[in-house]
Amino acid sequence: MKALDQTILIDRYLSGEASPEEKLQVERLLSDPELSLDDKEAFRQDMELQEDIIIAIQERGLRKMLQREEERLRAESNDDQPPIRTAVRPKVAAASRGPLWLIRSAATIAIAACMAGPIVIAPQVSRMIAISNNSELYSAATFEMTDAYSQLKGCDEPSDAIIAATALMQSGDYKQADALLVDALNGMPEVTNADGQAWSEKEDLLYLRALCAIKQHKLYRSRRLLNEVVRMDGLHRDQAAELLHTIKHGR
């Protein structure tokens, strides 16, 4: 698919304007077993980037709209025009002035409320950047993983991927580390919490992916992965829940 066509398809899908055929096309690109893992991951990243762009545009547009509304209201409050010299019109003007302010203010509040989601994105990104600069978080996690899996090297693909990924994370190559983790997760069969080691491996892979996402300032990916770790209710649940809370609300 051409880059422009793909961008349009993603935009229509994220905005809810995609036709049933276009929705199926997106789902195929995300799950088709005939597509390579690299292609599917690249498409996912394109979707996340497009979503970030849409939110940035919405946030900027809302700020401009609020600024224009504030300027209009300020101009009205400083309106020194002489009163209309008729018997009836002054009463109409005086009566309509109050409701006009209320209507415009209500409209501003309503629009702001509808777009409150995008507006809170900026502080979340700022908090995530602050977390990504916390070297203790990453060194502790990668050291813990390396220590836990050092005796399992060569046992299976997830264990080897975790060992290799932690080494890459320690060197600062979070993008390549994430690629290894994605390959390992995609290669795993469906597991449940009754599967013991495989369940623990999946949780470790997801948690490391979440840390890689935070380090690369991928807000949506990090929150999605951290939520999945919390739902698994395993070893990293508390750390993941704390990170989610910090990203959303601060400490």
Protein backbone atom coordinates (compact mmCIF):
# COMPACT_ATOMS: atom_id res chain seq x y z
CA MET A 1 0.00 0.00 0.00
CA LYS A 2 1.25 3.48 -0.86
CA ALA A 3 2.21 5.63 2.13
CA LEU A 4 -0.41 8.29 1.33
CA ASP A 5 -3.19 5.72 0.89
CA GLN A 6 -2.22 4.08 4.19
CA THR A 7 -2.24 7.42 6.01
CA ILE A 8 -5.73 8.19 4.70
CA LEU A 9 -6.95 4.73 5.69
CA ILE A 10 -5.58 5.08 9.22
CA ASP A 11 -7.04 8.57 9.55
CA ARG A 12 -10.51 7.39 8.51
CA TYR A 13 -10.27 4.38 10.85
CA LEU A 14 -9.23 6.45 13.90
CA SER A 15 -11.87 9.11 13.24
CA GLY A 16 -14.65 6.51 12.98
CA GLU A 17 -15.34 7.34 9.32
CA ALA A 18 -14.05 4.09 7.86
CA SER A 19 -16.42 1.92 5.84
CA PRO A 20 -16.91 -1.74 6.83
CA GLU A 21 -14.51 -2.71 4.03
CA GLU A 22 -11.87 -0.26 5.29
CA LYS A 23 -12.25 -1.55 8.86
CA LEU A 24 -11.67 -5.08 7.61
CA GLN A 25 -8.60 -3.88 5.72
CA VAL A 26 -7.13 -2.36 8.89
CA GLU A 27 -7.87 -5.48 10.91
CA ARG A 28 -6.22 -7.60 8.22
CA LEU A 29 -3.12 -5.43 8.29
CA LEU A 30 -2.94 -5.87 12.06
CA SER A 31 -3.55 -9.62 12.21
CA ASP A 32 -2.96 -11.24 8.81
CA PRO A 33 -0.65 -14.25 9.42
CA GLU A 34 0.69 -13.89 5.88
CA LEU A 35 2.19 -10.49 6.69
CA SER A 36 5.59 -10.35 8.34
CA LEU A 37 5.86 -9.33 11.99
CA ASP A 38 7.93 -6.33 10.95
CA ASP A 39 5.19 -5.12 8.59
CA LYS A 40 2.48 -5.53 11.23
CA GLU A 41 4.52 -3.75 13.88
CA ALA A 42 5.34 -0.93 11.45
CA PHE A 43 1.62 -0.51 10.73
CA ARG A 44 0.83 -0.42 14.46
CA GLN A 45 3.45 2.27 14.95
CA ASP A 46 1.99 4.25 12.04
CA MET A 47 -1.42 4.08 13.71
CA GLU A 48 0.00 5.33 17.01
CA LEU A 49 1.81 8.17 15.27
CA GLN A 50 -1.36 9.17 13.40
CA GLU A 51 -3.31 9.12 16.66
CA ASP A 52 -0.72 11.39 18.28
CA ILE A 53 -0.98 13.78 15.32
CA ILE A 54 -4.79 13.87 15.52
CA ILE A 55 -4.70 14.65 19.23
CA ALA A 56 -2.07 17.37 18.74
CA ILE A 57 -4.23 19.00 16.06
CA GLN A 58 -7.32 18.81 18.29
CA GLU A 59 -5.46 20.27 21.25
CA ARG A 60 -4.04 23.14 19.20
CA GLY A 61 -7.42 23.83 17.61
CA LEU A 62 -9.16 23.93 20.97
CA ARG A 63 -6.60 26.31 22.40
CA LYS A 64 -7.05 28.68 19.45
CA MET A 65 -10.82 28.46 19.77
CA LEU A 66 -10.68 29.26 23.49
CA GLN A 67 -8.34 32.16 22.84
CA ARG A 68 -10.70 33.62 20.21
CA GLU A 69 -13.68 33.16 22.53
CA GLU A 70 -11.83 34.89 25.37
CA GLU A 71 -10.98 37.80 23.09
CA ARG A 72 -14.63 38.13 22.01
CA LEU A 73 -15.89 38.08 25.57
CA ARG A 74 -13.30 40.63 26.64
CA ALA A 75 -14.30 42.88 23.73
CA GLU A 76 -17.96 42.65 24.75
CA SER A 77 -17.17 43.51 28.35
CA ASN A 78 -15.33 46.64 27.21
CA ASP A 79 -18.02 47.63 24.69
CA ASP A 80 -18.57 51.37 25.11
CA GLN A 81 -20.98 51.89 22.24
CA PRO A 82 -23.70 54.51 22.94
CA PRO A 83 -27.18 53.13 23.73
CA ILE A 84 -29.76 52.91 20.97
CA ARG A 85 -32.21 55.86 21.30
CA THR A 86 -35.57 54.18 20.96
CA ALA A 87 -38.29 53.37 23.44
CA VAL A 88 -38.06 49.62 23.04
CA ARG A 89 -34.62 48.68 21.68
CA PRO A 90 -32.59 49.47 24.81
CA LYS A 91 -34.63 46.97 26.83
CA VAL A 92 -34.19 44.31 24.14
CA ALA A 93 -30.45 44.94 23.95
CA ALA A 94 -30.08 44.87 27.72
CA ALA A 95 -32.13 41.70 27.99
CA SER A 96 -30.27 39.93 25.22
CA ARG A 97 -26.79 40.83 26.44
CA GLY A 98 -26.87 38.55 29.48
CA PRO A 99 -28.13 35.43 27.63
CA LEU A 100 -25.57 36.01 24.87
CA TRP A 101 -22.77 35.82 27.41
CA LEU A 102 -24.31 32.73 28.97
CA ILE A 103 -24.78 31.02 25.62
CA ARG A 104 -21.21 31.69 24.51
CA SER A 105 -19.74 30.70 27.86
CA ALA A 106 -21.82 27.52 27.93
CA ALA A 107 -20.72 26.66 24.41
CA THR A 108 -17.09 27.17 25.36
CA ILE A 109 -17.45 24.96 28.44
CA ALA A 110 -19.30 22.27 26.46
CA ILE A 111 -16.66 22.11 23.76
CA ALA A 112 -13.89 22.06 26.34
CA ALA A 113 -15.63 19.23 28.18
CA CYS A 114 -16.00 17.20 24.98
CA MET A 115 -12.30 17.58 24.25
CA ALA A 116 -11.03 17.18 27.80
CA GLY A 117 -9.42 13.86 26.85
CA PRO A 118 -6.96 15.35 24.37
CA ILE A 119 -6.22 18.29 26.67
CA VAL A 120 -4.87 16.07 29.45
CA ILE A 121 -2.44 14.40 27.07
CA ALA A 122 0.27 17.07 27.42
CA PRO A 123 0.84 16.65 31.19
CA GLN A 124 0.75 12.87 30.79
CA VAL A 125 3.50 13.07 28.18
CA SER A 126 5.50 15.35 30.49
CA ARG A 127 5.16 12.91 33.38
CA MET A 128 6.11 10.01 31.14
CA ILE A 129 9.26 11.86 30.04
CA ALA A 130 10.13 12.39 33.70
CA ILE A 131 9.64 8.65 34.34
CA SER A 132 11.80 7.80 31.34
CA ASN A 133 14.64 9.78 32.91
CA ASN A 134 14.47 7.64 36.05
CA SER A 135 17.53 5.46 35.49
CA GLU A 136 16.91 3.51 38.71
CA LEU A 137 13.63 2.13 37.37
CA TYR A 138 15.28 0.68 34.27
CA SER A 139 18.47 -0.53 35.84
CA ALA A 140 16.50 -2.30 38.61
CA ALA A 141 14.13 -3.93 36.14
CA THR A 142 16.77 -5.06 33.68
CA PHE A 143 19.08 -6.31 36.46
CA GLU A 144 16.20 -8.25 37.99
CA MET A 145 15.32 -9.83 34.64
CA THR A 146 18.93 -10.70 33.82
CA ASP A 147 19.39 -12.32 37.21
CA ALA A 148 16.11 -14.25 36.98
CA TYR A 149 16.76 -15.60 33.48
CA SER A 150 20.52 -16.10 33.54
CA GLN A 151 20.06 -19.81 34.28
CA LEU A 152 17.42 -20.22 31.55
CA LYS A 153 19.49 -19.13 28.57
CA GLY A 154 18.84 -21.45 25.64
CA CYS A 155 15.72 -22.94 27.24
CA ASP A 156 13.18 -21.25 25.01
CA GLU A 157 12.68 -18.23 22.76
CA PRO A 158 10.96 -15.96 25.35
CA SER A 159 13.76 -16.45 27.87
CA ASP A 160 16.44 -15.74 25.28
CA ALA A 161 14.52 -12.68 24.07
CA ILE A 162 14.26 -11.32 27.62
CA ILE A 163 18.01 -11.77 28.20
CA ALA A 164 18.89 -10.14 24.87
CA ALA A 165 16.37 -7.33 25.32
CA THR A 166 17.60 -6.42 28.80
CA ALA A 167 21.14 -6.20 27.44
CA LEU A 168 19.94 -3.86 24.68
CA MET A 169 18.01 -1.76 27.19
CA GLN A 170 21.10 -1.43 29.35
CA SER A 171 22.95 -0.15 26.28
CA GLY A 172 20.13 2.31 25.51
CA ASP A 173 18.81 0.61 22.36
CA TYR A 174 15.14 0.50 23.35
CA LYS A 175 13.82 0.28 19.80
CA GLN A 176 15.73 -2.92 19.00
CA ALA A 177 14.92 -4.32 22.43
CA ASP A 178 11.24 -3.75 21.76
CA ALA A 179 11.49 -5.47 18.38
CA LEU A 180 12.92 -8.59 20.05
CA LEU A 181 10.17 -8.56 22.65
CA VAL A 182 7.47 -8.20 19.97
CA ASP A 183 8.85 -11.18 18.04
CA ALA A 184 8.90 -13.31 21.20
CA LEU A 185 5.34 -12.36 22.15
CA ASN A 186 4.02 -13.02 18.66
CA GLY A 187 5.67 -16.43 18.70
CA MET A 188 4.08 -17.47 21.98
CA PRO A 189 0.97 -19.65 22.01
CA GLU A 190 -2.05 -18.59 24.04
CA VAL A 191 -1.31 -19.02 27.74
CA THR A 192 -3.26 -18.74 31.00
CA ASN A 193 -2.20 -18.13 34.58
CA ALA A 194 -2.22 -21.89 35.04
CA ASP A 195 0.70 -22.23 32.63
CA GLY A 196 3.30 -21.24 35.20
CA GLN A 197 6.59 -20.35 33.55
CA ALA A 198 5.04 -19.37 30.22
CA TRP A 199 2.61 -16.99 31.98
CA SER A 200 5.50 -15.40 33.89
CA GLU A 201 7.51 -15.05 30.69
CA LYS A 202 4.63 -13.33 28.93
CA GLU A 203 4.23 -10.88 31.82
CA ASP A 204 7.97 -10.13 31.82
CA LEU A 205 7.92 -9.55 28.05
CA LEU A 206 4.97 -7.16 28.33
CA TYR A 207 6.49 -5.28 31.26
CA LEU A 208 9.79 -4.81 29.45
CA ARG A 209 7.87 -3.63 26.37
CA ALA A 210 6.07 -1.09 28.54
CA LEU A 211 9.40 0.22 29.85
CA CYS A 212 10.74 0.46 26.30
CA ALA A 213 7.60 2.38 25.28
CA ILE A 214 8.02 4.83 28.15
CA LYS A 215 11.66 5.34 27.29
CA GLN A 216 10.64 6.14 23.69
CA HIS A 217 7.82 8.44 24.95
CA LYS A 218 5.09 6.25 23.41
CA LEU A 219 2.15 7.27 25.58
CA TYR A 220 -0.61 5.06 24.19
CA ARG A 221 1.57 2.00 23.79
CA SER A 222 2.96 2.28 27.33
CA ARG A 223 -0.48 2.70 28.89
CA ARG A 224 -1.92 -0.20 26.89
CA LEU A 225 0.94 -2.50 27.88
CA LEU A 226 0.90 -1.45 31.54
CA ASN A 227 -2.85 -2.09 31.69
CA GLU A 228 -2.28 -5.56 30.28
CA VAL A 229 0.40 -6.26 32.90
CA VAL A 230 -1.97 -5.13 35.66
CA ARG A 231 -4.70 -7.43 34.31
CA MET A 232 -2.30 -10.39 34.38
CA ASP A 233 -2.08 -9.88 38.16
CA GLY A 234 1.45 -11.20 38.43
CA LEU A 235 4.83 -10.17 39.74
CA HIS A 236 4.88 -6.74 38.07
CA ARG A 237 1.27 -5.75 38.79
CA ASP A 238 2.09 -3.24 41.53
CA GLN A 239 4.93 -1.60 39.58
CA ALA A 240 2.74 -1.35 36.48
CA ALA A 241 -0.17 0.10 38.45
CA GLU A 242 2.12 2.68 40.07
CA LEU A 243 3.54 3.70 36.68
CA LEU A 244 0.02 4.03 35.23
CA HIS A 245 -1.06 6.22 38.13
CA THR A 246 2.03 8.40 37.81
CA ILE A 247 1.51 8.83 34.07
CA LYS A 248 -2.17 9.72 34.47
CA HIS A 249 -2.22 11.72 37.70
CA GLY A 250 1.30 12.29 38.98
CA ARG A 251 2.36 11.19 42.44
